[in-house]
Structure formats: structure tokens, C-alpha cells
Amino acid sequence: MSELSTYPLRLPRSIRASLDRVSKRDGVSINQFVSIAVAEKLAMMEAQTYFAERQARADLTAFDALMSRTTGEPPRDDDRILPAQNG
């Protein structure tokens, strides 16, 4: 099992009340809800950093050349976008 640590967290009453309500609705403890929320926020921030680093390495001239090429193969039959079906 992973190593756990504690952190005293002070919340405004209104946030705590919402936290109580939502965690009960989701059937999880407040601790679990807060842990998941923090993990989601960290993952989002890490993703932003990752994509910013990828963007900095982008070669837009090469991308434009690739997108404007006239050679290549047409899409295979199983790789086409099908029309939307109503129903």
C-alpha cells in the first residue's frame, strides 16, 4: 500500500457544506472526495505543462507542408466518416 500523509485543511463553511452534500451523494468519504479532486487538478496541470512543452517544440512549417501535400492515399472504406443516423 502507498504511504499516506495527513494535511489539516481549513475550509469556509459554505464549501464544507457543499463538500458534505456532494461526497454523500457520490457515496464516498470527504477524504476520498478531496483526494480525488486534488489528483484531478494535478493531472490537469501536468497535462497543461506537457502540451505547452510539446507546442514549444512544434515545427509549424513542417506541419503546413504536411497538411498541404497533394500526394498520399485516400481513406480506406473502413476509415471514412459515416453520415449521422437519426433515431
PDB file of N, CA and C in Angstrom:
ATOM      1  N   MET A   1       0.837  -1.179   0.000  1.00  0.00           N
ATOM      2  CA  MET A   1       0.000   0.000   0.000  1.00  0.00           C
ATOM      3  C   MET A   1       0.880   1.239   0.000  1.00  0.00           C
ATOM      4  N   SER A   2       0.397   2.310  -0.625  1.00  0.00           N
ATOM      5  CA  SER A   2       1.195   3.522  -0.705  1.00  0.00           C
ATOM      6  C   SER A   2       1.267   4.208   0.651  1.00  0.00           C
ATOM      7  N   GLU A   3       2.255   5.022   0.806  1.00  0.00           N
ATOM      8  CA  GLU A   3       2.442   5.748   2.052  1.00  0.00           C
ATOM      9  C   GLU A   3       1.472   6.924   2.089  1.00  0.00           C
ATOM     10  N   LEU A   4       0.797   7.101   3.184  1.00  0.00           N
ATOM     11  CA  LEU A   4      -0.175   8.180   3.341  1.00  0.00           C
ATOM     12  C   LEU A   4       0.372   9.233   4.274  1.00  0.00           C
ATOM     13  N   SER A   5      -0.065  10.461   4.068  1.00  0.00           N
ATOM     14  CA  SER A   5       0.273  11.533   4.989  1.00  0.00           C
ATOM     15  C   SER A   5      -0.999  12.320   5.269  1.00  0.00           C
ATOM     16  N   THR A   6      -0.979  13.087   6.322  1.00  0.00           N
ATOM     17  CA  THR A   6      -2.141  13.890   6.677  1.00  0.00           C
ATOM     18  C   THR A   6      -1.843  15.355   6.427  1.00  0.00           C
ATOM     19  N   TYR A   7      -2.922  16.106   6.203  1.00  0.00           N
ATOM     20  CA  TYR A   7      -2.799  17.536   5.988  1.00  0.00           C
ATOM     21  C   TYR A   7      -4.049  18.199   6.565  1.00  0.00           C
ATOM     22  N   PRO A   8      -3.875  19.049   7.564  1.00  0.00           N
ATOM     23  CA  PRO A   8      -5.054  19.723   8.118  1.00  0.00           C
ATOM     24  C   PRO A   8      -5.554  20.757   7.107  1.00  0.00           C
ATOM     25  N   LEU A   9      -6.817  20.680   6.798  1.00  0.00           N
ATOM     26  CA  LEU A   9      -7.392  21.552   5.775  1.00  0.00           C
ATOM     27  C   LEU A   9      -8.508  22.390   6.378  1.00  0.00           C
ATOM     28  N   ARG A  10      -8.398  23.674   6.236  1.00  0.00           N
ATOM     29  CA  ARG A  10      -9.437  24.580   6.720  1.00  0.00           C
ATOM     30  C   ARG A  10     -10.231  25.058   5.519  1.00  0.00           C
ATOM     31  N   LEU A  11     -11.544  24.899   5.619  1.00  0.00           N
ATOM     32  CA  LEU A  11     -12.429  25.294   4.537  1.00  0.00           C
ATOM     33  C   LEU A  11     -13.472  26.272   5.043  1.00  0.00           C
ATOM     34  N   PRO A  12     -13.895  27.216   4.211  1.00  0.00           N
ATOM     35  CA  PRO A  12     -15.042  28.045   4.584  1.00  0.00           C
ATOM     36  C   PRO A  12     -16.273  27.145   4.783  1.00  0.00           C
ATOM     37  N   ARG A  13     -17.163  27.565   5.660  1.00  0.00           N
ATOM     38  CA  ARG A  13     -18.336  26.736   5.974  1.00  0.00           C
ATOM     39  C   ARG A  13     -19.154  26.395   4.736  1.00  0.00           C
ATOM     40  N   SER A  14     -19.296  27.336   3.821  1.00  0.00           N
ATOM     41  CA  SER A  14     -20.102  27.081   2.629  1.00  0.00           C
ATOM     42  C   SER A  14     -19.482  25.988   1.757  1.00  0.00           C
ATOM     43  N   ILE A  15     -18.174  25.995   1.636  1.00  0.00           N
ATOM     44  CA  ILE A  15     -17.505  24.946   0.845  1.00  0.00           C
ATOM     45  C   ILE A  15     -17.611  23.616   1.567  1.00  0.00           C
ATOM     46  N   ARG A  16     -17.446  23.612   2.874  1.00  0.00           N
ATOM     47  CA  ARG A  16     -17.556  22.383   3.647  1.00  0.00           C
ATOM     48  C   ARG A  16     -18.961  21.796   3.524  1.00  0.00           C
ATOM     49  N   ALA A  17     -19.988  22.646   3.562  1.00  0.00           N
ATOM     50  CA  ALA A  17     -21.357  22.160   3.436  1.00  0.00           C
ATOM     51  C   ALA A  17     -21.577  21.524   2.058  1.00  0.00           C
ATOM     52  N   SER A  18     -21.061  22.164   1.026  1.00  0.00           N
ATOM     53  CA  SER A  18     -21.173  21.593  -0.329  1.00  0.00           C
ATOM     54  C   SER A  18     -20.397  20.293  -0.431  1.00  0.00           C
ATOM     55  N   LEU A  19     -19.230  20.259   0.173  1.00  0.00           N
ATOM     56  CA  LEU A  19     -18.404  19.059   0.177  1.00  0.00           C
ATOM     57  C   LEU A  19     -19.116  17.904   0.870  1.00  0.00           C
ATOM     58  N   ASP A  20     -19.730  18.170   2.010  1.00  0.00           N
ATOM     59  CA  ASP A  20     -20.508  17.142   2.720  1.00  0.00           C
ATOM     60  C   ASP A  20     -21.619  16.597   1.823  1.00  0.00           C
ATOM     61  N   ARG A  21     -22.369  17.512   1.226  1.00  0.00           N
ATOM     62  CA  ARG A  21     -23.511  17.121   0.400  1.00  0.00           C
ATOM     63  C   ARG A  21     -23.076  16.293  -0.813  1.00  0.00           C
ATOM     64  N   VAL A  22     -22.069  16.758  -1.532  1.00  0.00           N
ATOM     65  CA  VAL A  22     -21.643  16.094  -2.759  1.00  0.00           C
ATOM     66  C   VAL A  22     -20.970  14.755  -2.466  1.00  0.00           C
ATOM     67  N   SER A  23     -20.156  14.694  -1.439  1.00  0.00           N
ATOM     68  CA  SER A  23     -19.496  13.424  -1.121  1.00  0.00           C
ATOM     69  C   SER A  23     -20.516  12.376  -0.693  1.00  0.00           C
ATOM     70  N   LYS A  24     -21.528  12.788   0.059  1.00  0.00           N
ATOM     71  CA  LYS A  24     -22.599  11.849   0.442  1.00  0.00           C
ATOM     72  C   LYS A  24     -23.355  11.370  -0.789  1.00  0.00           C
ATOM     73  N   ARG A  25     -23.666  12.307  -1.683  1.00  0.00           N
ATOM     74  CA  ARG A  25     -24.375  11.944  -2.915  1.00  0.00           C
ATOM     75  C   ARG A  25     -23.572  10.937  -3.743  1.00  0.00           C
ATOM     76  N   ASP A  26     -22.248  11.124  -3.775  1.00  0.00           N
ATOM     77  CA  ASP A  26     -21.379  10.216  -4.536  1.00  0.00           C
ATOM     78  C   ASP A  26     -21.048   8.943  -3.775  1.00  0.00           C
ATOM     79  N   GLY A  27     -21.416   8.885  -2.498  1.00  0.00           N
ATOM     80  CA  GLY A  27     -21.166   7.690  -1.704  1.00  0.00           C
ATOM     81  C   GLY A  27     -19.711   7.475  -1.336  1.00  0.00           C
ATOM     82  N   VAL A  28     -18.977   8.576  -1.166  1.00  0.00           N
ATOM     83  CA  VAL A  28     -17.566   8.481  -0.782  1.00  0.00           C
ATOM     84  C   VAL A  28     -17.336   9.347   0.452  1.00  0.00           C
ATOM     85  N   SER A  29     -16.240   9.090   1.123  1.00  0.00           N
ATOM     86  CA  SER A  29     -15.890   9.913   2.283  1.00  0.00           C
ATOM     87  C   SER A  29     -15.394  11.276   1.807  1.00  0.00           C
ATOM     88  N   ILE A  30     -15.430  12.237   2.712  1.00  0.00           N
ATOM     89  CA  ILE A  30     -14.894  13.557   2.388  1.00  0.00           C
ATOM     90  C   ILE A  30     -13.419  13.442   2.027  1.00  0.00           C
ATOM     91  N   ASN A  31     -12.698  12.641   2.763  1.00  0.00           N
ATOM     92  CA  ASN A  31     -11.269  12.460   2.497  1.00  0.00           C
ATOM     93  C   ASN A  31     -11.043  11.925   1.086  1.00  0.00           C
ATOM     94  N   GLN A  32     -11.812  10.918   0.712  1.00  0.00           N
ATOM     95  CA  GLN A  32     -11.660  10.336  -0.626  1.00  0.00           C
ATOM     96  C   GLN A  32     -12.034  11.358  -1.695  1.00  0.00           C
ATOM     97  N   PHE A  33     -13.106  12.094  -1.480  1.00  0.00           N
ATOM     98  CA  PHE A  33     -13.533  13.095  -2.450  1.00  0.00           C
ATOM     99  C   PHE A  33     -12.449  14.156  -2.651  1.00  0.00           C
ATOM    100  N   VAL A  34     -11.907  14.666  -1.546  1.00  0.00           N
ATOM    101  CA  VAL A  34     -10.862  15.690  -1.632  1.00  0.00           C
ATOM    102  C   VAL A  34      -9.606  15.124  -2.304  1.00  0.00           C
ATOM    103  N   SER A  35      -9.236  13.892  -1.963  1.00  0.00           N
ATOM    104  CA  SER A  35      -8.060  13.270  -2.584  1.00  0.00           C
ATOM    105  C   SER A  35      -8.228  13.154  -4.089  1.00  0.00           C
ATOM    106  N   ILE A  36      -9.410  12.731  -4.529  1.00  0.00           N
ATOM    107  CA  ILE A  36      -9.670  12.592  -5.960  1.00  0.00           C
ATOM    108  C   ILE A  36      -9.663  13.957  -6.643  1.00  0.00           C
ATOM    109  N   ALA A  37     -10.270  14.949  -5.991  1.00  0.00           N
ATOM    110  CA  ALA A  37     -10.312  16.297  -6.566  1.00  0.00           C
ATOM    111  C   ALA A  37      -8.903  16.873  -6.732  1.00  0.00           C
ATOM    112  N   VAL A  38      -8.059  16.674  -5.742  1.00  0.00           N
ATOM    113  CA  VAL A  38      -6.680  17.155  -5.825  1.00  0.00           C
ATOM    114  C   VAL A  38      -5.934  16.408  -6.928  1.00  0.00           C
ATOM    115  N   ALA A  39      -6.133  15.101  -7.020  1.00  0.00           N
ATOM    116  CA  ALA A  39      -5.472  14.312  -8.061  1.00  0.00           C
ATOM    117  C   ALA A  39      -5.906  14.772  -9.450  1.00  0.00           C
ATOM    118  N   GLU A  40      -7.191  15.053  -9.625  1.00  0.00           N
ATOM    119  CA  GLU A  40      -7.682  15.535 -10.921  1.00  0.00           C
ATOM    120  C   GLU A  40      -7.067  16.883 -11.276  1.00  0.00           C
ATOM    121  N   LYS A  41      -6.983  17.770 -10.308  1.00  0.00           N
ATOM    122  CA  LYS A  41      -6.400  19.094 -10.551  1.00  0.00           C
ATOM    123  C   LYS A  41      -4.923  18.974 -10.910  1.00  0.00           C
ATOM    124  N   LEU A  42      -4.190  18.131 -10.191  1.00  0.00           N
ATOM    125  CA  LEU A  42      -2.768  17.930 -10.502  1.00  0.00           C
ATOM    126  C   LEU A  42      -2.590  17.339 -11.896  1.00  0.00           C
ATOM    127  N   ALA A  43      -3.431  16.383 -12.265  1.00  0.00           N
ATOM    128  CA  ALA A  43      -3.337  15.770 -13.595  1.00  0.00           C
ATOM    129  C   ALA A  43      -3.597  16.813 -14.678  1.00  0.00           C
ATOM    130  N   MET A  44      -4.568  17.689 -14.473  1.00  0.00           N
ATOM    131  CA  MET A  44      -4.874  18.734 -15.438  1.00  0.00           C
ATOM    132  C   MET A  44      -3.703  19.710 -15.580  1.00  0.00           C
ATOM    133  N   MET A  45      -3.097  20.063 -14.462  1.00  0.00           N
ATOM    134  CA  MET A  45      -1.961  20.980 -14.512  1.00  0.00           C
ATOM    135  C   MET A  45      -0.759  20.335 -15.198  1.00  0.00           C
ATOM    136  N   GLU A  46      -0.522  19.056 -14.932  1.00  0.00           N
ATOM    137  CA  GLU A  46       0.570  18.338 -15.591  1.00  0.00           C
ATOM    138  C   GLU A  46       0.314  18.236 -17.096  1.00  0.00           C
ATOM    139  N   ALA A  47      -0.937  18.018 -17.482  1.00  0.00           N
ATOM    140  CA  ALA A  47      -1.278  17.937 -18.904  1.00  0.00           C
ATOM    141  C   ALA A  47      -1.040  19.282 -19.579  1.00  0.00           C
ATOM    142  N   GLN A  48      -1.400  20.373 -18.918  1.00  0.00           N
ATOM    143  CA  GLN A  48      -1.150  21.700 -19.488  1.00  0.00           C
ATOM    144  C   GLN A  48       0.341  21.921 -19.711  1.00  0.00           C
ATOM    145  N   THR A  49       1.149  21.523 -18.752  1.00  0.00           N
ATOM    146  CA  THR A  49       2.600  21.660 -18.886  1.00  0.00           C
ATOM    147  C   THR A  49       3.115  20.814 -20.036  1.00  0.00           C
ATOM    148  N   TYR A  50       2.643  19.581 -20.123  1.00  0.00           N
ATOM    149  CA  TYR A  50       3.060  18.672 -21.193  1.00  0.00           C
ATOM    150  C   TYR A  50       2.739  19.261 -22.561  1.00  0.00           C
ATOM    151  N   PHE A  51       1.497  19.746 -22.745  1.00  0.00           N
ATOM    152  CA  PHE A  51       1.107  20.271 -24.048  1.00  0.00           C
ATOM    153  C   PHE A  51       1.820  21.583 -24.361  1.00  0.00           C
ATOM    154  N   ALA A  52       2.109  22.396 -23.361  1.00  0.00           N
ATOM    155  CA  ALA A  52       2.874  23.624 -23.595  1.00  0.00           C
ATOM    156  C   ALA A  52       4.287  23.288 -24.069  1.00  0.00           C
ATOM    157  N   GLU A  53       4.892  22.263 -23.469  1.00  0.00           N
ATOM    158  CA  GLU A  53       6.225  21.839 -23.898  1.00  0.00           C
ATOM    159  C   GLU A  53       6.190  21.278 -25.311  1.00  0.00           C
ATOM    160  N   ARG A  54       5.157  20.503 -25.636  1.00  0.00           N
ATOM    161  CA  ARG A  54       5.010  19.968 -26.993  1.00  0.00           C
ATOM    162  C   ARG A  54       4.812  21.104 -27.994  1.00  0.00           C
ATOM    163  N   GLN A  55       4.014  22.097 -27.625  1.00  0.00           N
ATOM    164  CA  GLN A  55       3.759  23.220 -28.516  1.00  0.00           C
ATOM    165  C   GLN A  55       5.043  23.991 -28.799  1.00  0.00           C
ATOM    166  N   ALA A  56       5.891  24.135 -27.791  1.00  0.00           N
ATOM    167  CA  ALA A  56       7.145  24.864 -27.960  1.00  0.00           C
ATOM    168  C   ALA A  56       8.074  24.157 -28.945  1.00  0.00           C
ATOM    169  N   ARG A  57       7.941  22.836 -29.060  1.00  0.00           N
ATOM    170  CA  ARG A  57       8.787  22.067 -29.981  1.00  0.00           C
ATOM    171  C   ARG A  57       8.182  21.937 -31.382  1.00  0.00           C
ATOM    172  N   ALA A  58       6.982  22.464 -31.571  1.00  0.00           N
ATOM    173  CA  ALA A  58       6.284  22.281 -32.837  1.00  0.00           C
ATOM    174  C   ALA A  58       7.010  22.985 -33.979  1.00  0.00           C
ATOM    175  N   ASP A  59       7.026  22.327 -35.125  1.00  0.00           N
ATOM    176  CA  ASP A  59       7.590  22.897 -36.349  1.00  0.00           C
ATOM    177  C   ASP A  59       6.406  23.196 -37.268  1.00  0.00           C
ATOM    178  N   LEU A  60       5.901  24.425 -37.201  1.00  0.00           N
ATOM    179  CA  LEU A  60       4.705  24.778 -37.952  1.00  0.00           C
ATOM    180  C   LEU A  60       4.934  24.780 -39.460  1.00  0.00           C
ATOM    181  N   THR A  61       6.150  25.053 -39.894  1.00  0.00           N
ATOM    182  CA  THR A  61       6.456  24.992 -41.322  1.00  0.00           C
ATOM    183  C   THR A  61       6.320  23.562 -41.832  1.00  0.00           C
ATOM    184  N   ALA A  62       6.836  22.604 -41.074  1.00  0.00           N
ATOM    185  CA  ALA A  62       6.711  21.195 -41.457  1.00  0.00           C
ATOM    186  C   ALA A  62       5.248  20.754 -41.406  1.00  0.00           C
ATOM    187  N   PHE A  63       4.499  21.228 -40.416  1.00  0.00           N
ATOM    188  CA  PHE A  63       3.080  20.895 -40.323  1.00  0.00           C
ATOM    189  C   PHE A  63       2.315  21.425 -41.530  1.00  0.00           C
ATOM    190  N   ASP A  64       2.562  22.690 -41.890  1.00  0.00           N
ATOM    191  CA  ASP A  64       1.891  23.268 -43.057  1.00  0.00           C
ATOM    192  C   ASP A  64       2.234  22.494 -44.326  1.00  0.00           C
ATOM    193  N   ALA A  65       3.484  22.086 -44.470  1.00  0.00           N
ATOM    194  CA  ALA A  65       3.879  21.307 -45.643  1.00  0.00           C
ATOM    195  C   ALA A  65       3.154  19.965 -45.674  1.00  0.00           C
ATOM    196  N   LEU A  66       3.039  19.337 -44.539  1.00  0.00           N
ATOM    197  CA  LEU A  66       2.352  18.048 -44.455  1.00  0.00           C
ATOM    198  C   LEU A  66       0.867  18.202 -44.791  1.00  0.00           C
ATOM    199  N   MET A  67       0.240  19.221 -44.259  1.00  0.00           N
ATOM    200  CA  MET A  67      -1.192  19.405 -44.474  1.00  0.00           C
ATOM    201  C   MET A  67      -1.534  19.859 -45.892  1.00  0.00           C
ATOM    202  N   SER A  68      -0.606  20.462 -46.593  1.00  0.00           N
ATOM    203  CA  SER A  68      -0.897  20.956 -47.937  1.00  0.00           C
ATOM    204  C   SER A  68      -0.411  20.008 -49.035  1.00  0.00           C
ATOM    205  N   ARG A  69       0.100  18.868 -48.685  1.00  0.00           N
ATOM    206  CA  ARG A  69       0.588  17.924 -49.693  1.00  0.00           C
ATOM    207  C   ARG A  69      -0.586  17.399 -50.525  1.00  0.00           C
ATOM    208  N   THR A  70      -0.280  17.062 -51.745  1.00  0.00           N
ATOM    209  CA  THR A  70      -1.320  16.545 -52.647  1.00  0.00           C
ATOM    210  C   THR A  70      -1.167  15.052 -52.882  1.00  0.00           C
ATOM    211  N   THR A  71      -0.120  14.481 -52.372  1.00  0.00           N
ATOM    212  CA  THR A  71       0.096  13.044 -52.545  1.00  0.00           C
ATOM    213  C   THR A  71      -0.463  12.300 -51.348  1.00  0.00           C
ATOM    214  N   GLY A  72      -0.456  11.023 -51.445  1.00  0.00           N
ATOM    215  CA  GLY A  72      -0.944  10.213 -50.341  1.00  0.00           C
ATOM    216  C   GLY A  72      -2.016   9.262 -50.836  1.00  0.00           C
ATOM    217  N   GLU A  73      -2.636   8.593 -49.921  1.00  0.00           N
ATOM    218  CA  GLU A  73      -3.665   7.623 -50.252  1.00  0.00           C
ATOM    219  C   GLU A  73      -5.010   8.119 -49.741  1.00  0.00           C
ATOM    220  N   PRO A  74      -6.069   7.811 -50.471  1.00  0.00           N
ATOM    221  CA  PRO A  74      -7.386   8.174 -49.951  1.00  0.00           C
ATOM    222  C   PRO A  74      -7.721   7.305 -48.743  1.00  0.00           C
ATOM    223  N   PRO A  75      -8.668   7.714 -47.932  1.00  0.00           N
ATOM    224  CA  PRO A  75      -9.044   6.895 -46.768  1.00  0.00           C
ATOM    225  C   PRO A  75      -9.600   5.545 -47.214  1.00  0.00           C
ATOM    226  N   ARG A  76      -9.327   4.532 -46.424  1.00  0.00           N
ATOM    227  CA  ARG A  76      -9.917   3.226 -46.699  1.00  0.00           C
ATOM    228  C   ARG A  76     -11.402   3.289 -46.409  1.00  0.00           C
ATOM    229  N   ASP A  77     -12.150   2.336 -46.943  1.00  0.00           N
ATOM    230  CA  ASP A  77     -13.594   2.325 -46.730  1.00  0.00           C
ATOM    231  C   ASP A  77     -13.953   2.269 -45.256  1.00  0.00           C
ATOM    232  N   ASP A  78     -13.145   1.546 -44.447  1.00  0.00           N
ATOM    233  CA  ASP A  78     -13.458   1.428 -43.019  1.00  0.00           C
ATOM    234  C   ASP A  78     -12.914   2.606 -42.206  1.00  0.00           C
ATOM    235  N   ASP A  79     -12.385   3.618 -42.907  1.00  0.00           N
ATOM    236  CA  ASP A  79     -11.818   4.771 -42.220  1.00  0.00           C
ATOM    237  C   ASP A  79     -12.516   6.059 -42.646  1.00  0.00           C
ATOM    238  N   ARG A  80     -13.719   5.948 -43.117  1.00  0.00           N
ATOM    239  CA  ARG A  80     -14.481   7.113 -43.538  1.00  0.00           C
ATOM    240  C   ARG A  80     -15.467   7.517 -42.458  1.00  0.00           C
ATOM    241  N   ILE A  81     -15.817   8.778 -42.437  1.00  0.00           N
ATOM    242  CA  ILE A  81     -16.826   9.266 -41.504  1.00  0.00           C
ATOM    243  C   ILE A  81     -18.194   8.938 -42.087  1.00  0.00           C
ATOM    244  N   LEU A  82     -18.978   8.223 -41.323  1.00  0.00           N
ATOM    245  CA  LEU A  82     -20.307   7.833 -41.778  1.00  0.00           C
ATOM    246  C   LEU A  82     -21.301   8.949 -41.506  1.00  0.00           C
ATOM    247  N   PRO A  83     -22.316   9.077 -42.367  1.00  0.00           N
ATOM    248  CA  PRO A  83     -23.329  10.093 -42.092  1.00  0.00           C
ATOM    249  C   PRO A  83     -24.089   9.781 -40.804  1.00  0.00           C
ATOM    250  N   ALA A  84     -24.512  10.831 -40.133  1.00  0.00           N
ATOM    251  CA  ALA A  84     -25.245  10.650 -38.878  1.00  0.00           C
ATOM    252  C   ALA A  84     -26.573   9.960 -39.156  1.00  0.00           C
ATOM    253  N   GLN A  85     -26.943   9.071 -38.244  1.00  0.00           N
ATOM    254  CA  GLN A  85     -28.206   8.373 -38.377  1.00  0.00           C
ATOM    255  C   GLN A  85     -29.197   8.971 -37.391  1.00  0.00           C
ATOM    256  N   ASN A  86     -30.360   9.287 -37.870  1.00  0.00           N
ATOM    257  CA  ASN A  86     -31.408   9.825 -36.994  1.00  0.00           C
ATOM    258  C   ASN A  86     -32.139   8.678 -36.330  1.00  0.00           C
ATOM    259  N   GLY A  87     -32.351   8.801 -35.046  1.00  0.00           N
ATOM    260  CA  GLY A  87     -33.122   7.755 -34.406  1.00  0.00           C
ATOM    261  C   GLY A  87     -32.673   7.505 -33.072  1.00  0.00           C
TER     262      GLY A  87
END
